[in-house]
Amino acid sequence: MTLSLSERELREFCSQISPEYPYYDRFINEARFGLSRISPYLARLNAARPSVLEVGAGSCILVAFLATRGFDMAAVEPLGPGFGFYTGLQNHVLDICRKMGSDVHVIREPAEQISARERYDFSYTINALEHMRDPYLAVDAMYRALRPGRSLLAHCPNYNVPFEPHFGILLLTRSKALNKWLYRSVVGKDQVLWDEMNFIGYTDLRRHVAARGYDFAFSRMIFEESFERVLCDHTFAERMPSIFVTIGRLLKRFHLLDKLHHWPVALQTPMEVVINKT
């Protein structure tokens, strides 16, 4: 079975989504980004109808699109506090998916409580681990849900780097209480979002997967790819502090972008790890 996953096809799917929903452009942009991260791994799956799990599915745009392309899709999205605005868009997207003859199994429970065992050919989470109560247990649950010989991909901010991308602030240590006080006027604009976030970092995540004996590898290309995205993706750049766009332009001007893979992985943000189940 040939599964087609071009960005053009994703755009065609998204053209059916009504633009009336909040953050419409951002969600479609994030679906495009998510597809760019997982496409190489999906292309390697050799099952007739690969079973795939997305953890932290948000708007469900990406998971619904993949369902229409022949994947057996499941989505973990408990819609915690502060994310109720997803509900209308999710229902709309999933309805479009059903009208196209496909369906998504939506799991309304925290990722840490995923009960599936050796069920999926691939699992991924894109910019969602920082919103989970215990991201490390969530990674364990994703691992248990994989069939032997399969892989999972986790992509999220790395709070070893003192920058909080949702609020666009530089952090003073990883103390939420201290930073909440320092940036109280900024945090106060979305207190619910701040309260439910955790400051997951490379050091702790690496220590966790190593202690579990997992076969894993962190990407060294994230810094370079993130600055390239800032320069090429207008929707994404609008959400970033202008200093990042300026730094990206300077790096490109002086031909330093392709040198960023030499930067220590512990100090690259976001971070991305692939874990293979043996």
C-alpha atoms as a PDB file:
ATOM      1  CA  MET A   1       0.000   0.000   0.000  1.00  0.00           C
ATOM      2  CA  THR A   2       1.406   3.415  -0.969  1.00  0.00           C
ATOM      3  CA  LEU A   3       0.701   6.168   1.551  1.00  0.00           C
ATOM      4  CA  SER A   4       0.924   9.721   0.228  1.00  0.00           C
ATOM      5  CA  LEU A   5       2.000  12.430   2.669  1.00  0.00           C
ATOM      6  CA  SER A   6       2.832  15.559   0.723  1.00  0.00           C
ATOM      7  CA  GLU A   7       2.347  19.021   2.173  1.00  0.00           C
ATOM      8  CA  ARG A   8       0.097  19.786  -0.802  1.00  0.00           C
ATOM      9  CA  GLU A   9      -2.281  17.031   0.297  1.00  0.00           C
ATOM     10  CA  LEU A  10      -2.245  18.371   3.846  1.00  0.00           C
ATOM     11  CA  ARG A  11      -3.145  21.824   2.501  1.00  0.00           C
ATOM     12  CA  GLU A  12      -6.017  20.288   0.524  1.00  0.00           C
ATOM     13  CA  PHE A  13      -7.306  18.598   3.671  1.00  0.00           C
ATOM     14  CA  CYS A  14      -6.999  21.839   5.658  1.00  0.00           C
ATOM     15  CA  SER A  15      -8.892  23.767   2.971  1.00  0.00           C
ATOM     16  CA  GLN A  16     -12.039  22.037   4.254  1.00  0.00           C
ATOM     17  CA  ILE A  17     -11.583  23.474   7.763  1.00  0.00           C
ATOM     18  CA  SER A  18     -13.602  26.567   8.545  1.00  0.00           C
ATOM     19  CA  PRO A  19     -11.321  29.525   9.426  1.00  0.00           C
ATOM     20  CA  GLU A  20     -13.729  30.761  12.105  1.00  0.00           C
ATOM     21  CA  TYR A  21     -11.975  28.941  14.935  1.00  0.00           C
ATOM     22  CA  PRO A  22      -9.454  30.681  17.241  1.00  0.00           C
ATOM     23  CA  TYR A  23      -5.797  30.257  16.216  1.00  0.00           C
ATOM     24  CA  TYR A  24      -6.847  28.665  12.913  1.00  0.00           C
ATOM     25  CA  ASP A  25      -3.664  29.700  11.074  1.00  0.00           C
ATOM     26  CA  ARG A  26      -1.412  28.625  13.925  1.00  0.00           C
ATOM     27  CA  PHE A  27      -2.938  25.165  14.191  1.00  0.00           C
ATOM     28  CA  ILE A  28      -2.626  24.514  10.472  1.00  0.00           C
ATOM     29  CA  ASN A  29       0.952  25.750  10.605  1.00  0.00           C
ATOM     30  CA  GLU A  30       1.732  23.408  13.492  1.00  0.00           C
ATOM     31  CA  ALA A  31       0.189  20.490  11.583  1.00  0.00           C
ATOM     32  CA  ARG A  32       2.508  21.268   8.668  1.00  0.00           C
ATOM     33  CA  PHE A  33       5.463  21.366  11.041  1.00  0.00           C
ATOM     34  CA  GLY A  34       4.465  18.111  12.718  1.00  0.00           C
ATOM     35  CA  LEU A  35       4.172  16.390   9.353  1.00  0.00           C
ATOM     36  CA  SER A  36       7.678  17.565   8.444  1.00  0.00           C
ATOM     37  CA  ARG A  37       9.058  15.980  11.641  1.00  0.00           C
ATOM     38  CA  ILE A  38       7.381  12.580  11.340  1.00  0.00           C
ATOM     39  CA  SER A  39       7.207  11.964   7.578  1.00  0.00           C
ATOM     40  CA  PRO A  40      10.632  10.262   7.361  1.00  0.00           C
ATOM     41  CA  TYR A  41       9.606   7.768  10.042  1.00  0.00           C
ATOM     42  CA  LEU A  42       6.167   7.070   8.591  1.00  0.00           C
ATOM     43  CA  ALA A  43       7.760   6.409   5.200  1.00  0.00           C
ATOM     44  CA  ARG A  44       9.732   3.499   6.694  1.00  0.00           C
ATOM     45  CA  LEU A  45       6.695   1.652   8.012  1.00  0.00           C
ATOM     46  CA  ASN A  46       6.010  -1.467   5.981  1.00  0.00           C
ATOM     47  CA  ALA A  47       2.659  -2.571   7.405  1.00  0.00           C
ATOM     48  CA  ALA A  48      -0.350  -2.588   5.067  1.00  0.00           C
ATOM     49  CA  ARG A  49      -2.169  -0.130   7.355  1.00  0.00           C
ATOM     50  CA  PRO A  50       0.318   1.182   9.936  1.00  0.00           C
ATOM     51  CA  SER A  51      -1.032   1.867  13.403  1.00  0.00           C
ATOM     52  CA  VAL A  52       0.110   5.254  14.718  1.00  0.00           C
ATOM     53  CA  LEU A  53      -0.404   7.040  18.032  1.00  0.00           C
ATOM     54  CA  GLU A  54      -0.212  10.816  18.493  1.00  0.00           C
ATOM     55  CA  VAL A  55       0.136  11.977  22.089  1.00  0.00           C
ATOM     56  CA  GLY A  56      -1.071  15.505  22.730  1.00  0.00           C
ATOM     57  CA  ALA A  57      -3.048  15.798  19.505  1.00  0.00           C
ATOM     58  CA  GLY A  58      -4.391  19.297  20.168  1.00  0.00           C
ATOM     59  CA  SER A  59      -6.522  20.375  17.217  1.00  0.00           C
ATOM     60  CA  CYS A  60      -6.377  16.826  15.738  1.00  0.00           C
ATOM     61  CA  ILE A  61      -5.615  18.280  12.289  1.00  0.00           C
ATOM     62  CA  LEU A  62      -2.502  16.172  11.731  1.00  0.00           C
ATOM     63  CA  VAL A  63      -3.922  12.938  13.137  1.00  0.00           C
ATOM     64  CA  ALA A  64      -7.120  13.336  11.091  1.00  0.00           C
ATOM     65  CA  PHE A  65      -5.155  14.024   7.915  1.00  0.00           C
ATOM     66  CA  LEU A  66      -3.072  10.891   8.452  1.00  0.00           C
ATOM     67  CA  ALA A  67      -6.239   8.865   8.987  1.00  0.00           C
ATOM     68  CA  THR A  68      -7.491   9.985   5.568  1.00  0.00           C
ATOM     69  CA  ARG A  69      -4.191   8.873   4.033  1.00  0.00           C
ATOM     70  CA  GLY A  70      -4.586   5.248   5.125  1.00  0.00           C
ATOM     71  CA  PHE A  71      -3.066   5.154   8.621  1.00  0.00           C
ATOM     72  CA  ASP A  72      -4.855   3.550  11.567  1.00  0.00           C
ATOM     73  CA  MET A  73      -4.737   6.579  13.868  1.00  0.00           C
ATOM     74  CA  ALA A  74      -5.247   7.040  17.597  1.00  0.00           C
ATOM     75  CA  ALA A  75      -4.961  10.375  19.406  1.00  0.00           C
ATOM     76  CA  VAL A  76      -4.369  11.000  23.093  1.00  0.00           C
ATOM     77  CA  GLU A  77      -5.886  14.369  23.997  1.00  0.00           C
ATOM     78  CA  PRO A  78      -7.468  14.774  27.441  1.00  0.00           C
ATOM     79  CA  LEU A  79      -8.179  18.504  26.876  1.00  0.00           C
ATOM     80  CA  GLY A  80      -6.887  19.660  30.236  1.00  0.00           C
ATOM     81  CA  PRO A  81      -7.503  23.046  31.882  1.00  0.00           C
ATOM     82  CA  GLY A  82      -6.814  25.946  29.565  1.00  0.00           C
ATOM     83  CA  PHE A  83      -7.344  23.957  26.367  1.00  0.00           C
ATOM     84  CA  GLY A  84     -11.116  23.883  26.134  1.00  0.00           C
ATOM     85  CA  PHE A  85     -10.931  26.147  23.081  1.00  0.00           C
ATOM     86  CA  TYR A  86      -9.741  23.094  21.146  1.00  0.00           C
ATOM     87  CA  THR A  87     -13.100  21.345  21.500  1.00  0.00           C
ATOM     88  CA  GLY A  88     -15.010  23.035  18.679  1.00  0.00           C
ATOM     89  CA  LEU A  89     -12.142  22.787  16.198  1.00  0.00           C
ATOM     90  CA  GLN A  90     -11.445  19.154  17.147  1.00  0.00           C
ATOM     91  CA  ASN A  91     -15.067  18.163  16.577  1.00  0.00           C
ATOM     92  CA  HIS A  92     -15.085  20.002  13.247  1.00  0.00           C
ATOM     93  CA  VAL A  93     -11.863  18.351  12.051  1.00  0.00           C
ATOM     94  CA  LEU A  94     -12.904  14.863  13.149  1.00  0.00           C
ATOM     95  CA  ASP A  95     -16.259  15.323  11.410  1.00  0.00           C
ATOM     96  CA  ILE A  96     -14.445  16.180   8.158  1.00  0.00           C
ATOM     97  CA  CYS A  97     -12.343  13.051   8.627  1.00  0.00           C
ATOM     98  CA  ARG A  98     -15.435  10.863   9.059  1.00  0.00           C
ATOM     99  CA  LYS A  99     -17.114  12.380   6.003  1.00  0.00           C
ATOM    100  CA  MET A 100     -14.025  11.338   4.027  1.00  0.00           C
ATOM    101  CA  GLY A 101     -14.559   7.742   5.152  1.00  0.00           C
ATOM    102  CA  SER A 102     -11.906   7.620   7.880  1.00  0.00           C
ATOM    103  CA  ASP A 103     -11.913   7.788  11.653  1.00  0.00           C
ATOM    104  CA  VAL A 104      -9.626   8.531  14.594  1.00  0.00           C
ATOM    105  CA  HIS A 105      -9.729   6.732  17.922  1.00  0.00           C
ATOM    106  CA  VAL A 106      -9.584   9.583  20.453  1.00  0.00           C
ATOM    107  CA  ILE A 107      -8.333   8.689  23.931  1.00  0.00           C
ATOM    108  CA  ARG A 108      -9.545  11.166  26.567  1.00  0.00           C
ATOM    109  CA  GLU A 109      -7.083  10.340  29.327  1.00  0.00           C
ATOM    110  CA  PRO A 110      -3.664  11.632  30.396  1.00  0.00           C
ATOM    111  CA  ALA A 111      -0.753  10.271  28.380  1.00  0.00           C
ATOM    112  CA  GLU A 112       0.741   8.713  31.511  1.00  0.00           C
ATOM    113  CA  GLN A 113      -2.301   6.442  31.707  1.00  0.00           C
ATOM    114  CA  ILE A 114      -2.132   4.981  28.201  1.00  0.00           C
ATOM    115  CA  SER A 115      -3.049   1.337  28.689  1.00  0.00           C
ATOM    116  CA  ALA A 116      -2.116  -0.017  25.246  1.00  0.00           C
ATOM    117  CA  ARG A 117       0.671  -2.593  25.088  1.00  0.00           C
ATOM    118  CA  GLU A 118       2.611  -3.374  21.879  1.00  0.00           C
ATOM    119  CA  ARG A 119      -0.219  -1.922  19.790  1.00  0.00           C
ATOM    120  CA  TYR A 120       1.391   0.738  17.553  1.00  0.00           C
ATOM    121  CA  ASP A 121       3.933   0.841  14.738  1.00  0.00           C
ATOM    122  CA  PHE A 122       4.935   4.428  15.515  1.00  0.00           C
ATOM    123  CA  SER A 123       4.170   6.989  18.194  1.00  0.00           C
ATOM    124  CA  TYR A 124       4.943  10.687  18.346  1.00  0.00           C
ATOM    125  CA  THR A 125       4.405  13.798  20.419  1.00  0.00           C
ATOM    126  CA  ILE A 126       5.107  17.278  19.046  1.00  0.00           C
ATOM    127  CA  ASN A 127       5.335  20.219  21.452  1.00  0.00           C
ATOM    128  CA  ALA A 128       3.112  18.571  24.042  1.00  0.00           C
ATOM    129  CA  LEU A 129       5.359  16.980  26.694  1.00  0.00           C
ATOM    130  CA  GLU A 130       5.796  20.337  28.435  1.00  0.00           C
ATOM    131  CA  HIS A 131       2.032  20.388  29.034  1.00  0.00           C
ATOM    132  CA  MET A 132       1.892  16.966  30.721  1.00  0.00           C
ATOM    133  CA  ARG A 133       1.810  16.356  34.439  1.00  0.00           C
ATOM    134  CA  ASP A 134       4.633  13.805  34.241  1.00  0.00           C
ATOM    135  CA  PRO A 135       6.302  13.841  30.807  1.00  0.00           C
ATOM    136  CA  TYR A 136       8.737  11.079  31.706  1.00  0.00           C
ATOM    137  CA  LEU A 137       5.968   8.631  32.576  1.00  0.00           C
ATOM    138  CA  ALA A 138       4.236   9.706  29.367  1.00  0.00           C
ATOM    139  CA  VAL A 139       7.333   8.674  27.393  1.00  0.00           C
ATOM    140  CA  ASP A 140       7.316   5.324  29.213  1.00  0.00           C
ATOM    141  CA  ALA A 141       3.655   4.790  28.295  1.00  0.00           C
ATOM    142  CA  MET A 142       4.369   5.617  24.638  1.00  0.00           C
ATOM    143  CA  TYR A 143       7.244   3.125  24.699  1.00  0.00           C
ATOM    144  CA  ARG A 144       5.088   0.343  26.153  1.00  0.00           C
ATOM    145  CA  ALA A 145       2.458   1.003  23.479  1.00  0.00           C
ATOM    146  CA  LEU A 146       4.966   0.308  20.686  1.00  0.00           C
ATOM    147  CA  ARG A 147       5.399  -3.008  18.971  1.00  0.00           C
ATOM    148  CA  PRO A 148       8.942  -4.441  19.229  1.00  0.00           C
ATOM    149  CA  GLY A 149      11.240  -3.050  16.565  1.00  0.00           C
ATOM    150  CA  ARG A 150       9.254   0.190  16.308  1.00  0.00           C
ATOM    151  CA  SER A 151      10.073   3.786  17.278  1.00  0.00           C
ATOM    152  CA  LEU A 152       8.693   6.876  18.945  1.00  0.00           C
ATOM    153  CA  LEU A 153       9.595  10.516  18.409  1.00  0.00           C
ATOM    154  CA  ALA A 154       9.307  13.223  21.055  1.00  0.00           C
ATOM    155  CA  HIS A 155       9.807  16.900  20.192  1.00  0.00           C
ATOM    156  CA  CYS A 156       9.424  19.656  22.787  1.00  0.00           C
ATOM    157  CA  PRO A 157      11.137  22.691  24.322  1.00  0.00           C
ATOM    158  CA  ASN A 158      14.353  22.097  26.240  1.00  0.00           C
ATOM    159  CA  TYR A 159      14.246  24.119  29.433  1.00  0.00           C
ATOM    160  CA  ASN A 160      17.941  23.569  30.031  1.00  0.00           C
ATOM    161  CA  VAL A 161      17.988  26.627  27.794  1.00  0.00           C
ATOM    162  CA  PRO A 162      16.485  29.464  29.862  1.00  0.00           C
ATOM    163  CA  PHE A 163      13.751  30.457  27.441  1.00  0.00           C
ATOM    164  CA  GLU A 164      10.002  29.883  27.705  1.00  0.00           C
ATOM    165  CA  PRO A 165       8.565  29.907  24.157  1.00  0.00           C
ATOM    166  CA  HIS A 166       4.855  30.118  25.036  1.00  0.00           C
ATOM    167  CA  PHE A 167       5.311  33.388  26.902  1.00  0.00           C
ATOM    168  CA  GLY A 168       8.455  34.541  25.078  1.00  0.00           C
ATOM    169  CA  ILE A 169      10.426  35.162  28.272  1.00  0.00           C
ATOM    170  CA  LEU A 170      13.952  34.459  29.448  1.00  0.00           C
ATOM    171  CA  LEU A 171      13.928  32.325  32.575  1.00  0.00           C
ATOM    172  CA  LEU A 172      15.937  32.893  35.729  1.00  0.00           C
ATOM    173  CA  THR A 173      16.618  29.295  36.786  1.00  0.00           C
ATOM    174  CA  ARG A 174      13.940  26.616  36.243  1.00  0.00           C
ATOM    175  CA  SER A 175      11.942  27.695  39.286  1.00  0.00           C
ATOM    176  CA  LYS A 176       8.351  28.272  38.213  1.00  0.00           C
ATOM    177  CA  ALA A 177       7.587  30.174  41.412  1.00  0.00           C
ATOM    178  CA  LEU A 178      10.479  32.599  40.949  1.00  0.00           C
ATOM    179  CA  ASN A 179       9.736  33.220  37.285  1.00  0.00           C
ATOM    180  CA  LYS A 180       6.035  33.593  37.986  1.00  0.00           C
ATOM    181  CA  TRP A 181       6.891  36.409  40.398  1.00  0.00           C
ATOM    182  CA  LEU A 182       9.404  38.028  38.043  1.00  0.00           C
ATOM    183  CA  TYR A 183       7.029  37.934  35.078  1.00  0.00           C
ATOM    184  CA  ARG A 184       3.749  38.225  36.962  1.00  0.00           C
ATOM    185  CA  SER A 185       2.264  40.719  34.496  1.00  0.00           C
ATOM    186  CA  VAL A 186       3.027  38.401  31.540  1.00  0.00           C
ATOM    187  CA  VAL A 187       2.064  35.179  33.316  1.00  0.00           C
ATOM    188  CA  GLY A 188      -1.142  36.749  34.550  1.00  0.00           C
ATOM    189  CA  LYS A 189      -2.413  36.947  30.973  1.00  0.00           C
ATOM    190  CA  ASP A 190      -2.660  33.149  30.860  1.00  0.00           C
ATOM    191  CA  GLN A 191      -2.316  31.834  34.394  1.00  0.00           C
ATOM    192  CA  VAL A 192      -3.931  28.472  33.567  1.00  0.00           C
ATOM    193  CA  LEU A 193      -1.367  27.749  30.843  1.00  0.00           C
ATOM    194  CA  TRP A 194       1.506  28.663  33.149  1.00  0.00           C
ATOM    195  CA  ASP A 195       0.247  26.498  35.999  1.00  0.00           C
ATOM    196  CA  GLU A 196      -0.124  23.357  33.911  1.00  0.00           C
ATOM    197  CA  MET A 197       3.305  23.572  32.247  1.00  0.00           C
ATOM    198  CA  ASN A 198       6.386  21.690  33.400  1.00  0.00           C
ATOM    199  CA  PHE A 199       9.945  22.772  32.600  1.00  0.00           C
ATOM    200  CA  ILE A 200      11.176  19.545  31.013  1.00  0.00           C
ATOM    201  CA  GLY A 201      14.881  19.603  30.194  1.00  0.00           C
ATOM    202  CA  TYR A 202      17.373  17.609  28.153  1.00  0.00           C
ATOM    203  CA  THR A 203      19.408  16.567  31.198  1.00  0.00           C
ATOM    204  CA  ASP A 204      16.457  15.046  33.039  1.00  0.00           C
ATOM    205  CA  LEU A 205      14.944  13.444  29.932  1.00  0.00           C
ATOM    206  CA  ARG A 206      18.245  11.914  28.889  1.00  0.00           C
ATOM    207  CA  ARG A 207      18.851  10.606  32.398  1.00  0.00           C
ATOM    208  CA  HIS A 208      15.392   9.058  32.446  1.00  0.00           C
ATOM    209  CA  VAL A 209      15.594   7.205  29.116  1.00  0.00           C
ATOM    210  CA  ALA A 210      19.153   6.061  29.885  1.00  0.00           C
ATOM    211  CA  ALA A 211      18.064   4.693  33.268  1.00  0.00           C
ATOM    212  CA  ARG A 212      15.280   2.751  31.545  1.00  0.00           C
ATOM    213  CA  GLY A 213      17.819   1.189  29.181  1.00  0.00           C
ATOM    214  CA  TYR A 214      16.111   2.560  26.077  1.00  0.00           C
ATOM    215  CA  ASP A 215      17.873   2.757  22.722  1.00  0.00           C
ATOM    216  CA  PHE A 216      17.689   6.492  22.010  1.00  0.00           C
ATOM    217  CA  ALA A 217      19.289   9.312  20.046  1.00  0.00           C
ATOM    218  CA  PHE A 218      18.829  13.075  20.358  1.00  0.00           C
ATOM    219  CA  SER A 219      18.976  15.155  17.196  1.00  0.00           C
ATOM    220  CA  ARG A 220      21.944  17.480  16.788  1.00  0.00           C
ATOM    221  CA  MET A 221      20.214  19.456  14.030  1.00  0.00           C
ATOM    222  CA  ILE A 222      17.395  21.072  16.012  1.00  0.00           C
ATOM    223  CA  PHE A 223      19.054  24.450  16.567  1.00  0.00           C
ATOM    224  CA  GLU A 224      19.875  24.813  12.895  1.00  0.00           C
ATOM    225  CA  GLU A 225      16.422  23.706  11.774  1.00  0.00           C
ATOM    226  CA  SER A 226      14.704  26.004  14.296  1.00  0.00           C
ATOM    227  CA  PHE A 227      16.514  29.092  13.035  1.00  0.00           C
ATOM    228  CA  GLU A 228      15.773  28.059   9.462  1.00  0.00           C
ATOM    229  CA  ARG A 229      12.113  27.812  10.424  1.00  0.00           C
ATOM    230  CA  VAL A 230      12.190  31.285  11.981  1.00  0.00           C
ATOM    231  CA  LEU A 231      13.556  32.651   8.703  1.00  0.00           C
ATOM    232  CA  CYS A 232      11.205  30.747   6.382  1.00  0.00           C
ATOM    233  CA  ASP A 233       7.993  30.318   8.355  1.00  0.00           C
ATOM    234  CA  HIS A 234       6.270  33.669   8.801  1.00  0.00           C
ATOM    235  CA  THR A 235       3.474  32.310  10.996  1.00  0.00           C
ATOM    236  CA  PHE A 236       5.999  30.757  13.364  1.00  0.00           C
ATOM    237  CA  ALA A 237       8.277  33.812  13.350  1.00  0.00           C
ATOM    238  CA  GLU A 238       5.405  36.054  14.466  1.00  0.00           C
ATOM    239  CA  ARG A 239       5.186  34.044  17.697  1.00  0.00           C
ATOM    240  CA  MET A 240       8.874  34.356  18.483  1.00  0.00           C
ATOM    241  CA  PRO A 241      10.622  37.391  20.032  1.00  0.00           C
ATOM    242  CA  SER A 242      12.123  39.569  17.300  1.00  0.00           C
ATOM    243  CA  ILE A 243      15.618  38.948  18.691  1.00  0.00           C
ATOM    244  CA  PHE A 244      15.422  35.355  17.402  1.00  0.00           C
ATOM    245  CA  VAL A 245      14.652  36.525  13.887  1.00  0.00           C
ATOM    246  CA  THR A 246      17.574  38.935  14.094  1.00  0.00           C
ATOM    247  CA  ILE A 247      19.936  36.226  15.338  1.00  0.00           C
ATOM    248  CA  GLY A 248      18.770  33.897  12.579  1.00  0.00           C
ATOM    249  CA  ARG A 249      19.452  36.515   9.912  1.00  0.00           C
ATOM    250  CA  LEU A 250      22.920  37.190  11.310  1.00  0.00           C
ATOM    251  CA  LEU A 251      23.735  33.481  11.409  1.00  0.00           C
ATOM    252  CA  LYS A 252      22.639  33.117   7.802  1.00  0.00           C
ATOM    253  CA  ARG A 253      24.484  36.236   6.685  1.00  0.00           C
ATOM    254  CA  PHE A 254      27.775  35.037   8.162  1.00  0.00           C
ATOM    255  CA  HIS A 255      27.241  31.427   6.971  1.00  0.00           C
ATOM    256  CA  LEU A 256      27.019  30.034  10.490  1.00  0.00           C
ATOM    257  CA  LEU A 257      23.645  28.260  10.321  1.00  0.00           C
ATOM    258  CA  ASP A 258      25.157  24.997   9.101  1.00  0.00           C
ATOM    259  CA  LYS A 259      27.646  25.089  11.987  1.00  0.00           C
ATOM    260  CA  LEU A 260      25.004  24.960  14.699  1.00  0.00           C
ATOM    261  CA  HIS A 261      25.023  21.161  14.825  1.00  0.00           C
ATOM    262  CA  HIS A 262      28.326  21.517  16.675  1.00  0.00           C
ATOM    263  CA  TRP A 263      26.478  23.282  19.518  1.00  0.00           C
ATOM    264  CA  PRO A 264      26.020  20.977  22.563  1.00  0.00           C
ATOM    265  CA  VAL A 265      22.771  19.036  22.338  1.00  0.00           C
ATOM    266  CA  ALA A 266      22.054  19.872  25.991  1.00  0.00           C
ATOM    267  CA  LEU A 267      21.891  23.549  25.021  1.00  0.00           C
ATOM    268  CA  GLN A 268      19.745  23.232  21.903  1.00  0.00           C
ATOM    269  CA  THR A 269      16.072  24.073  22.038  1.00  0.00           C
ATOM    270  CA  PRO A 270      13.703  22.623  21.152  1.00  0.00           C
ATOM    271  CA  MET A 271      14.944  19.080  21.596  1.00  0.00           C
ATOM    272  CA  GLU A 272      14.007  15.962  19.710  1.00  0.00           C
ATOM    273  CA  VAL A 273      14.651  12.368  20.670  1.00  0.00           C
ATOM    274  CA  VAL A 274      13.928   9.119  18.830  1.00  0.00           C
ATOM    275  CA  ILE A 275      13.550   6.010  20.976  1.00  0.00           C
ATOM    276  CA  ASN A 276      13.684   2.566  19.369  1.00  0.00           C
ATOM    277  CA  LYS A 277      11.991  -0.393  21.023  1.00  0.00           C
ATOM    278  CA  THR A 278      14.118  -3.507  20.746  1.00  0.00           C
END
